[in-house]
Amino acid sequence: RYLSGANPVSVYCHEFNPPGSWYEGNAAALCIFEMSDGSLF
């Protein structure tokens, strides 16, 4: 947000726990944000 000067409009996120993880919960994530300036993060 600081770099773009834009705010989020929407997000699609998939989180998961990869093989070998020592966490009980999901320790990895992929996110695609649409931003208010038309860019994607």
All heavy atoms as atom14 arrays in JSON, in Angstrom:
{
  "sequence": "RYLSGANPVSVYCHEFNPPGSWYEGNAAALCIFEMSDGSLF",
  "atom14_mask": [
    [1, 1, 1, 1, 1, 1, 1, 1, 1, 1, 1, 0, 0, 0],
    [1, 1, 1, 1, 1, 1, 1, 1, 1, 1, 1, 1, 0, 0],
    [1, 1, 1, 1, 1, 1, 1, 1, 0, 0, 0, 0, 0, 0],
    [1, 1, 1, 1, 1, 1, 0, 0, 0, 0, 0, 0, 0, 0],
    [1, 1, 1, 1, 0, 0, 0, 0, 0, 0, 0, 0, 0, 0],
    [1, 1, 1, 1, 1, 0, 0, 0, 0, 0, 0, 0, 0, 0],
    [1, 1, 1, 1, 1, 1, 1, 1, 0, 0, 0, 0, 0, 0],
    [1, 1, 1, 1, 1, 1, 1, 0, 0, 0, 0, 0, 0, 0],
    [1, 1, 1, 1, 1, 1, 1, 0, 0, 0, 0, 0, 0, 0],
    [1, 1, 1, 1, 1, 1, 0, 0, 0, 0, 0, 0, 0, 0],
    [1, 1, 1, 1, 1, 1, 1, 0, 0, 0, 0, 0, 0, 0],
    [1, 1, 1, 1, 1, 1, 1, 1, 1, 1, 1, 1, 0, 0],
    [1, 1, 1, 1, 1, 1, 0, 0, 0, 0, 0, 0, 0, 0],
    [1, 1, 1, 1, 1, 1, 1, 1, 1, 1, 0, 0, 0, 0],
    [1, 1, 1, 1, 1, 1, 1, 1, 1, 0, 0, 0, 0, 0],
    [1, 1, 1, 1, 1, 1, 1, 1, 1, 1, 1, 0, 0, 0],
    [1, 1, 1, 1, 1, 1, 1, 1, 0, 0, 0, 0, 0, 0],
    [1, 1, 1, 1, 1, 1, 1, 0, 0, 0, 0, 0, 0, 0],
    [1, 1, 1, 1, 1, 1, 1, 0, 0, 0, 0, 0, 0, 0],
    [1, 1, 1, 1, 0, 0, 0, 0, 0, 0, 0, 0, 0, 0],
    [1, 1, 1, 1, 1, 1, 0, 0, 0, 0, 0, 0, 0, 0],
    [1, 1, 1, 1, 1, 1, 1, 1, 1, 1, 1, 1, 1, 1],
    [1, 1, 1, 1, 1, 1, 1, 1, 1, 1, 1, 1, 0, 0],
    [1, 1, 1, 1, 1, 1, 1, 1, 1, 0, 0, 0, 0, 0],
    [1, 1, 1, 1, 0, 0, 0, 0, 0, 0, 0, 0, 0, 0],
    [1, 1, 1, 1, 1, 1, 1, 1, 0, 0, 0, 0, 0, 0],
    [1, 1, 1, 1, 1, 0, 0, 0, 0, 0, 0, 0, 0, 0],
    [1, 1, 1, 1, 1, 0, 0, 0, 0, 0, 0, 0, 0, 0],
    [1, 1, 1, 1, 1, 0, 0, 0, 0, 0, 0, 0, 0, 0],
    [1, 1, 1, 1, 1, 1, 1, 1, 0, 0, 0, 0, 0, 0],
    [1, 1, 1, 1, 1, 1, 0, 0, 0, 0, 0, 0, 0, 0],
    [1, 1, 1, 1, 1, 1, 1, 1, 0, 0, 0, 0, 0, 0],
    [1, 1, 1, 1, 1, 1, 1, 1, 1, 1, 1, 0, 0, 0],
    [1, 1, 1, 1, 1, 1, 1, 1, 1, 0, 0, 0, 0, 0],
    [1, 1, 1, 1, 1, 1, 1, 1, 0, 0, 0, 0, 0, 0],
    [1, 1, 1, 1, 1, 1, 0, 0, 0, 0, 0, 0, 0, 0],
    [1, 1, 1, 1, 1, 1, 1, 1, 0, 0, 0, 0, 0, 0],
    [1, 1, 1, 1, 0, 0, 0, 0, 0, 0, 0, 0, 0, 0],
    [1, 1, 1, 1, 1, 1, 0, 0, 0, 0, 0, 0, 0, 0],
    [1, 1, 1, 1, 1, 1, 1, 1, 0, 0, 0, 0, 0, 0],
    [1, 1, 1, 1, 1, 1, 1, 1, 1, 1, 1, 0, 0, 0]
  ],
  "atom14_positions": [
    [[0.83, -1.21, 0.0], [0.0, 0.0, 0.0], [0.87, 1.25, 0.0], [0.56, 2.23, -0.7], [-0.92, 0.02, 1.22], [-2.07, -0.98, 1.17], [-3.03, -0.77, 2.34], [-3.5, 0.59, 2.37], [-3.28, 1.45, 3.38], [-2.6, 1.07, 4.46], [-3.73, 2.69, 3.32], [0.0, 0.0, 0.0], [0.0, 0.0, 0.0], [0.0, 0.0, 0.0]],
    [[1.93, 1.22, 0.78], [2.83, 2.37, 0.82], [3.46, 2.62, -0.55], [3.51, 3.76, -1.02], [3.92, 2.15, 1.88], [5.01, 3.18, 1.82], [4.79, 4.47, 2.28], [6.26, 2.86, 1.29], [5.78, 5.44, 2.19], [7.26, 3.81, 1.21], [7.02, 5.11, 1.66], [8.0, 6.06, 1.58], [0.0, 0.0, 0.0], [0.0, 0.0, 0.0]],
    [[3.92, 1.57, -1.19], [4.58, 1.73, -2.49], [3.63, 2.22, -3.56], [3.97, 3.11, -4.36], [5.2, 0.39, -2.93], [6.43, -0.07, -2.16], [6.78, -1.51, -2.52], [7.62, 0.85, -2.43], [0.0, 0.0, 0.0], [0.0, 0.0, 0.0], [0.0, 0.0, 0.0], [0.0, 0.0, 0.0], [0.0, 0.0, 0.0], [0.0, 0.0, 0.0]],
    [[2.45, 1.67, -3.6], [1.51, 1.99, -4.67], [0.71, 3.26, -4.41], [0.23, 3.91, -5.34], [0.53, 0.84, -4.87], [-0.3, 0.66, -3.73], [0.0, 0.0, 0.0], [0.0, 0.0, 0.0], [0.0, 0.0, 0.0], [0.0, 0.0, 0.0], [0.0, 0.0, 0.0], [0.0, 0.0, 0.0], [0.0, 0.0, 0.0], [0.0, 0.0, 0.0]],
    [[0.56, 3.6, -3.13], [-0.32, 4.7, -2.79], [-1.78, 4.37, -3.03], [-2.64, 5.25, -3.09], [0.0, 0.0, 0.0], [0.0, 0.0, 0.0], [0.0, 0.0, 0.0], [0.0, 0.0, 0.0], [0.0, 0.0, 0.0], [0.0, 0.0, 0.0], [0.0, 0.0, 0.0], [0.0, 0.0, 0.0], [0.0, 0.0, 0.0], [0.0, 0.0, 0.0]],
    [[-2.08, 3.07, -3.16], [-3.43, 2.61, -3.47], [-3.95, 1.73, -2.35], [-3.18, 1.18, -1.56], [-3.43, 1.84, -4.79], [0.0, 0.0, 0.0], [0.0, 0.0, 0.0], [0.0, 0.0, 0.0], [0.0, 0.0, 0.0], [0.0, 0.0, 0.0], [0.0, 0.0, 0.0], [0.0, 0.0, 0.0], [0.0, 0.0, 0.0], [0.0, 0.0, 0.0]],
    [[-5.26, 1.57, -2.31], [-5.91, 0.7, -1.33], [-6.47, -0.54, -2.01], [-6.74, -0.54, -3.21], [-7.02, 1.46, -0.61], [-6.5, 2.45, 0.4], [-5.48, 2.21, 1.04], [-7.17, 3.58, 0.54], [0.0, 0.0, 0.0], [0.0, 0.0, 0.0], [0.0, 0.0, 0.0], [0.0, 0.0, 0.0], [0.0, 0.0, 0.0], [0.0, 0.0, 0.0]],
    [[-6.66, -1.61, -1.25], [-7.16, -2.86, -1.84], [-8.63, -2.76, -2.22], [-9.42, -2.12, -1.52], [-6.94, -3.87, -0.71], [-7.06, -3.05, 0.54], [-6.43, -1.73, 0.2], [0.0, 0.0, 0.0], [0.0, 0.0, 0.0], [0.0, 0.0, 0.0], [0.0, 0.0, 0.0], [0.0, 0.0, 0.0], [0.0, 0.0, 0.0], [0.0, 0.0, 0.0]],
    [[-8.97, -3.43, -3.31], [-10.36, -3.51, -3.76], [-10.92, -4.91, -3.54], [-12.05, -5.07, -3.1], [-10.47, -3.12, -5.25], [-11.9, -3.35, -5.77], [-10.05, -1.67, -5.45], [0.0, 0.0, 0.0], [0.0, 0.0, 0.0], [0.0, 0.0, 0.0], [0.0, 0.0, 0.0], [0.0, 0.0, 0.0], [0.0, 0.0, 0.0], [0.0, 0.0, 0.0]],
    [[-10.11, -5.93, -3.84], [-10.55, -7.31, -3.67], [-9.33, -8.19, -3.48], [-8.19, -7.78, -3.73], [-11.35, -7.8, -4.89], [-10.49, -7.95, -6.01], [0.0, 0.0, 0.0], [0.0, 0.0, 0.0], [0.0, 0.0, 0.0], [0.0, 0.0, 0.0], [0.0, 0.0, 0.0], [0.0, 0.0, 0.0], [0.0, 0.0, 0.0], [0.0, 0.0, 0.0]],
    [[-9.57, -9.44, -3.02], [-8.49, -10.4, -2.86], [-9.0, -11.81, -3.11], [-10.13, -12.15, -2.76], [-7.86, -10.32, -1.44], [-8.88, -10.62, -0.35], [-6.65, -11.24, -1.32], [0.0, 0.0, 0.0], [0.0, 0.0, 0.0], [0.0, 0.0, 0.0], [0.0, 0.0, 0.0], [0.0, 0.0, 0.0], [0.0, 0.0, 0.0], [0.0, 0.0, 0.0]],
    [[-8.16, -12.59, -3.75], [-8.35, -14.04, -3.78], [-7.13, -14.65, -3.1], [-5.99, -14.35, -3.47], [-8.47, -14.59, -5.2], [-8.58, -16.1, -5.19], [-9.81, -16.71, -4.91], [-7.47, -16.92, -5.36], [-9.93, -18.08, -4.84], [-7.58, -18.3, -5.29], [-8.81, -18.87, -5.03], [-8.93, -20.24, -4.94], [0.0, 0.0, 0.0], [0.0, 0.0, 0.0]],
    [[-7.36, -15.46, -2.1], [-6.27, -16.03, -1.31], [-6.43, -17.54, -1.17], [-7.53, -18.03, -0.92], [-6.23, -15.38, 0.08], [-5.04, -16.14, 1.23], [0.0, 0.0, 0.0], [0.0, 0.0, 0.0], [0.0, 0.0, 0.0], [0.0, 0.0, 0.0], [0.0, 0.0, 0.0], [0.0, 0.0, 0.0], [0.0, 0.0, 0.0], [0.0, 0.0, 0.0]],
    [[-5.32, -18.23, -1.33], [-5.27, -19.65, -1.01], [-4.15, -19.84, 0.0], [-3.0, -19.49, -0.26], [-4.97, -20.48, -2.26], [-4.82, -21.95, -1.98], [-5.9, -22.75, -1.68], [-3.72, -22.75, -1.93], [-5.48, -23.99, -1.47], [-4.15, -24.01, -1.61], [0.0, 0.0, 0.0], [0.0, 0.0, 0.0], [0.0, 0.0, 0.0], [0.0, 0.0, 0.0]],
    [[-4.49, -20.35, 1.17], [-3.45, -20.65, 2.17], [-3.39, -22.15, 2.39], [-4.38, -22.87, 2.23], [-3.66, -19.89, 3.48], [-4.89, -20.24, 4.27], [-4.88, -19.66, 5.68], [-3.85, -19.11, 6.11], [-5.92, -19.78, 6.36], [0.0, 0.0, 0.0], [0.0, 0.0, 0.0], [0.0, 0.0, 0.0], [0.0, 0.0, 0.0], [0.0, 0.0, 0.0]],
    [[-2.21, -22.63, 2.76], [-1.99, -24.06, 2.89], [-0.8, -24.3, 3.81], [-0.09, -23.37, 4.19], [-1.74, -24.69, 1.52], [-0.56, -24.11, 0.77], [0.64, -24.79, 0.7], [-0.66, -22.88, 0.12], [1.73, -24.26, 0.0], [0.41, -22.33, -0.57], [1.61, -23.03, -0.63], [0.0, 0.0, 0.0], [0.0, 0.0, 0.0], [0.0, 0.0, 0.0]],
    [[-0.6, -25.55, 4.18], [0.53, -25.93, 5.03], [1.4, -26.91, 4.26], [1.01, -28.07, 4.06], [0.03, -26.55, 6.34], [1.0, -26.32, 7.48], [1.78, -25.37, 7.46], [0.97, -27.18, 8.48], [0.0, 0.0, 0.0], [0.0, 0.0, 0.0], [0.0, 0.0, 0.0], [0.0, 0.0, 0.0], [0.0, 0.0, 0.0], [0.0, 0.0, 0.0]],
    [[2.57, -26.49, 3.79], [3.38, -27.33, 2.92], [3.96, -28.55, 3.64], [4.06, -28.58, 4.87], [4.51, -26.39, 2.48], [4.02, -25.02, 2.77], [3.14, -25.16, 3.97], [0.0, 0.0, 0.0], [0.0, 0.0, 0.0], [0.0, 0.0, 0.0], [0.0, 0.0, 0.0], [0.0, 0.0, 0.0], [0.0, 0.0, 0.0], [0.0, 0.0, 0.0]],
    [[4.38, -29.56, 2.88], [5.07, -30.71, 3.47], [6.31, -30.25, 4.26], [7.01, -29.33, 3.84], [5.48, -31.54, 2.25], [4.52, -31.15, 1.19], [4.22, -29.7, 1.42], [0.0, 0.0, 0.0], [0.0, 0.0, 0.0], [0.0, 0.0, 0.0], [0.0, 0.0, 0.0], [0.0, 0.0, 0.0], [0.0, 0.0, 0.0], [0.0, 0.0, 0.0]],
    [[6.53, -30.87, 5.39], [7.67, -30.53, 6.23], [7.42, -29.4, 7.19], [8.29, -29.07, 8.0], [0.0, 0.0, 0.0], [0.0, 0.0, 0.0], [0.0, 0.0, 0.0], [0.0, 0.0, 0.0], [0.0, 0.0, 0.0], [0.0, 0.0, 0.0], [0.0, 0.0, 0.0], [0.0, 0.0, 0.0], [0.0, 0.0, 0.0], [0.0, 0.0, 0.0]],
    [[6.24, -28.78, 7.12], [5.94, -27.67, 8.01], [5.88, -28.13, 9.47], [5.38, -29.21, 9.78], [4.59, -27.04, 7.64], [4.21, -26.07, 8.61], [0.0, 0.0, 0.0], [0.0, 0.0, 0.0], [0.0, 0.0, 0.0], [0.0, 0.0, 0.0], [0.0, 0.0, 0.0], [0.0, 0.0, 0.0], [0.0, 0.0, 0.0], [0.0, 0.0, 0.0]],
    [[6.4, -27.3, 10.36], [6.36, -27.58, 11.79], [5.25, -26.78, 12.48], [5.14, -26.78, 13.69], [7.71, -27.25, 12.44], [8.26, -25.92, 12.04], [8.11, -24.73, 12.69], [9.03, -25.64, 10.87], [8.75, -23.72, 12.01], [9.34, -24.26, 10.88], [9.52, -26.42, 9.81], [10.09, -23.64, 9.89], [10.27, -25.81, 8.82], [10.55, -24.43, 8.86]],
    [[4.43, -26.11, 11.69], [3.29, -25.37, 12.21], [2.04, -26.24, 12.16], [1.84, -27.01, 11.23], [3.04, -24.11, 11.39], [4.14, -23.08, 11.45], [5.23, -23.14, 10.57], [4.1, -22.04, 12.37], [6.24, -22.19, 10.61], [5.1, -21.08, 12.42], [6.17, -21.16, 11.54], [7.16, -20.22, 11.59], [0.0, 0.0, 0.0], [0.0, 0.0, 0.0]],
    [[1.17, -26.07, 13.14], [-0.11, -26.78, 13.13], [-1.06, -26.18, 12.1], [-1.83, -26.89, 11.45], [-0.76, -26.74, 14.52], [-0.01, -27.53, 15.58], [-0.7, -27.46, 16.93], [-1.93, -27.2, 16.96], [-0.03, -27.66, 17.95], [0.0, 0.0, 0.0], [0.0, 0.0, 0.0], [0.0, 0.0, 0.0], [0.0, 0.0, 0.0], [0.0, 0.0, 0.0]],
    [[-1.02, -24.86, 11.93], [-1.9, -24.17, 10.99], [-1.23, -23.92, 9.66], [-0.1, -24.37, 9.4], [0.0, 0.0, 0.0], [0.0, 0.0, 0.0], [0.0, 0.0, 0.0], [0.0, 0.0, 0.0], [0.0, 0.0, 0.0], [0.0, 0.0, 0.0], [0.0, 0.0, 0.0], [0.0, 0.0, 0.0], [0.0, 0.0, 0.0], [0.0, 0.0, 0.0]],
    [[-1.9, -23.18, 8.8], [-1.4, -22.9, 7.45], [-0.29, -21.86, 7.51], [-0.52, -20.71, 7.89], [-2.54, -22.41, 6.56], [-3.54, -23.5, 6.27], [-3.16, -24.65, 6.03], [-4.82, -23.16, 6.29], [0.0, 0.0, 0.0], [0.0, 0.0, 0.0], [0.0, 0.0, 0.0], [0.0, 0.0, 0.0], [0.0, 0.0, 0.0], [0.0, 0.0, 0.0]],
    [[0.9, -22.25, 7.08], [2.07, -21.39, 7.19], [2.49, -20.8, 5.85], [3.55, -20.18, 5.75], [3.25, -22.17, 7.79], [0.0, 0.0, 0.0], [0.0, 0.0, 0.0], [0.0, 0.0, 0.0], [0.0, 0.0, 0.0], [0.0, 0.0, 0.0], [0.0, 0.0, 0.0], [0.0, 0.0, 0.0], [0.0, 0.0, 0.0], [0.0, 0.0, 0.0]],
    [[1.68, -20.99, 4.81], [1.99, -20.45, 3.49], [0.72, -19.92, 2.85], [-0.39, -20.38, 3.15], [2.62, -21.52, 2.6], [0.0, 0.0, 0.0], [0.0, 0.0, 0.0], [0.0, 0.0, 0.0], [0.0, 0.0, 0.0], [0.0, 0.0, 0.0], [0.0, 0.0, 0.0], [0.0, 0.0, 0.0], [0.0, 0.0, 0.0], [0.0, 0.0, 0.0]],
    [[0.88, -18.94, 1.96], [-0.28, -18.34, 1.32], [0.09, -17.7, 0.0], [1.21, -17.21, -0.18], [-0.91, -17.28, 2.23], [0.0, 0.0, 0.0], [0.0, 0.0, 0.0], [0.0, 0.0, 0.0], [0.0, 0.0, 0.0], [0.0, 0.0, 0.0], [0.0, 0.0, 0.0], [0.0, 0.0, 0.0], [0.0, 0.0, 0.0], [0.0, 0.0, 0.0]],
    [[-0.86, -17.71, -0.93], [-0.77, -17.0, -2.2], [-1.97, -16.05, -2.27], [-3.11, -16.48, -2.08], [-0.82, -17.97, -3.38], [0.19, -19.13, -3.37], [-0.1, -20.08, -4.52], [1.61, -18.6, -3.45], [0.0, 0.0, 0.0], [0.0, 0.0, 0.0], [0.0, 0.0, 0.0], [0.0, 0.0, 0.0], [0.0, 0.0, 0.0], [0.0, 0.0, 0.0]],
    [[-1.72, -14.78, -2.54], [-2.79, -13.78, -2.56], [-2.69, -12.94, -3.83], [-1.59, -12.53, -4.22], [-2.71, -12.85, -1.36], [-2.75, -13.65, 0.25], [0.0, 0.0, 0.0], [0.0, 0.0, 0.0], [0.0, 0.0, 0.0], [0.0, 0.0, 0.0], [0.0, 0.0, 0.0], [0.0, 0.0, 0.0], [0.0, 0.0, 0.0], [0.0, 0.0, 0.0]],
    [[-3.83, -12.65, -4.43], [-3.91, -11.73, -5.55], [-4.87, -10.61, -5.16], [-6.07, -10.86, -4.95], [-4.39, -12.41, -6.83], [-3.47, -13.56, -7.23], [-4.5, -11.4, -7.97], [-4.0, -14.4, -8.37], [0.0, 0.0, 0.0], [0.0, 0.0, 0.0], [0.0, 0.0, 0.0], [0.0, 0.0, 0.0], [0.0, 0.0, 0.0], [0.0, 0.0, 0.0]],
    [[-4.35, -9.4, -5.06], [-5.16, -8.24, -4.71], [-5.37, -7.36, -5.94], [-4.41, -7.05, -6.66], [-4.46, -7.38, -3.64], [-4.38, -8.0, -2.28], [-3.27, -8.75, -1.92], [-5.4, -7.82, -1.36], [-3.18, -9.32, -0.66], [-5.31, -8.38, -0.09], [-4.2, -9.14, 0.26], [0.0, 0.0, 0.0], [0.0, 0.0, 0.0], [0.0, 0.0, 0.0]],
    [[-6.59, -6.94, -6.15], [-6.87, -5.84, -7.07], [-6.79, -4.56, -6.26], [-7.38, -4.46, -5.18], [-8.26, -6.0, -7.69], [-8.39, -7.22, -8.59], [-9.81, -7.43, -9.07], [-10.71, -7.55, -8.21], [-10.01, -7.46, -10.3], [0.0, 0.0, 0.0], [0.0, 0.0, 0.0], [0.0, 0.0, 0.0], [0.0, 0.0, 0.0], [0.0, 0.0, 0.0]],
    [[-6.08, -3.56, -6.8], [-5.87, -2.32, -6.07], [-6.65, -1.18, -6.7], [-7.07, -1.25, -7.87], [-4.36, -1.99, -6.03], [-3.5, -3.09, -5.43], [-3.87, -3.48, -3.7], [-3.15, -2.06, -2.86], [0.0, 0.0, 0.0], [0.0, 0.0, 0.0], [0.0, 0.0, 0.0], [0.0, 0.0, 0.0], [0.0, 0.0, 0.0], [0.0, 0.0, 0.0]],
    [[-6.84, -0.12, -5.94], [-7.71, 0.98, -6.37], [-7.15, 1.78, -7.54], [-7.88, 2.52, -8.19], [-7.99, 1.91, -5.19], [-6.79, 2.45, -4.66], [0.0, 0.0, 0.0], [0.0, 0.0, 0.0], [0.0, 0.0, 0.0], [0.0, 0.0, 0.0], [0.0, 0.0, 0.0], [0.0, 0.0, 0.0], [0.0, 0.0, 0.0], [0.0, 0.0, 0.0]],
    [[-5.85, 1.65, -7.84], [-5.27, 2.34, -8.98], [-5.28, 1.48, -10.25], [-4.71, 1.85, -11.27], [-3.84, 2.8, -8.69], [-2.88, 1.63, -8.44], [-3.34, 0.47, -8.33], [-1.67, 1.89, -8.33], [0.0, 0.0, 0.0], [0.0, 0.0, 0.0], [0.0, 0.0, 0.0], [0.0, 0.0, 0.0], [0.0, 0.0, 0.0], [0.0, 0.0, 0.0]],
    [[-5.92, 0.3, -10.16], [-6.0, -0.59, -11.31], [-4.89, -1.61, -11.4], [-4.92, -2.49, -12.26], [0.0, 0.0, 0.0], [0.0, 0.0, 0.0], [0.0, 0.0, 0.0], [0.0, 0.0, 0.0], [0.0, 0.0, 0.0], [0.0, 0.0, 0.0], [0.0, 0.0, 0.0], [0.0, 0.0, 0.0], [0.0, 0.0, 0.0], [0.0, 0.0, 0.0]],
    [[-3.92, -1.52, -10.5], [-2.81, -2.48, -10.51], [-3.19, -3.75, -9.75], [-4.2, -3.8, -9.05], [-1.56, -1.86, -9.89], [-1.75, -1.61, -8.5], [0.0, 0.0, 0.0], [0.0, 0.0, 0.0], [0.0, 0.0, 0.0], [0.0, 0.0, 0.0], [0.0, 0.0, 0.0], [0.0, 0.0, 0.0], [0.0, 0.0, 0.0], [0.0, 0.0, 0.0]],
    [[-2.36, -4.77, -9.89], [-2.49, -6.01, -9.14], [-1.29, -6.16, -8.21], [-0.16, -5.86, -8.58], [-2.54, -7.22, -10.07], [-3.79, -7.38, -10.94], [-3.66, -8.64, -11.8], [-5.05, -7.45, -10.09], [0.0, 0.0, 0.0], [0.0, 0.0, 0.0], [0.0, 0.0, 0.0], [0.0, 0.0, 0.0], [0.0, 0.0, 0.0], [0.0, 0.0, 0.0]],
    [[-1.56, -6.63, -7.0], [-0.51, -6.97, -6.04], [-0.58, -8.46, -5.77], [-1.62, -8.97, -5.36], [-0.67, -6.18, -4.75], [0.18, -6.67, -3.61], [1.54, -6.85, -3.77], [-0.39, -6.96, -2.37], [2.33, -7.32, -2.71], [0.38, -7.41, -1.32], [1.74, -7.6, -1.49], [0.0, 0.0, 0.0], [0.0, 0.0, 0.0], [0.0, 0.0, 0.0]]
  ]
}
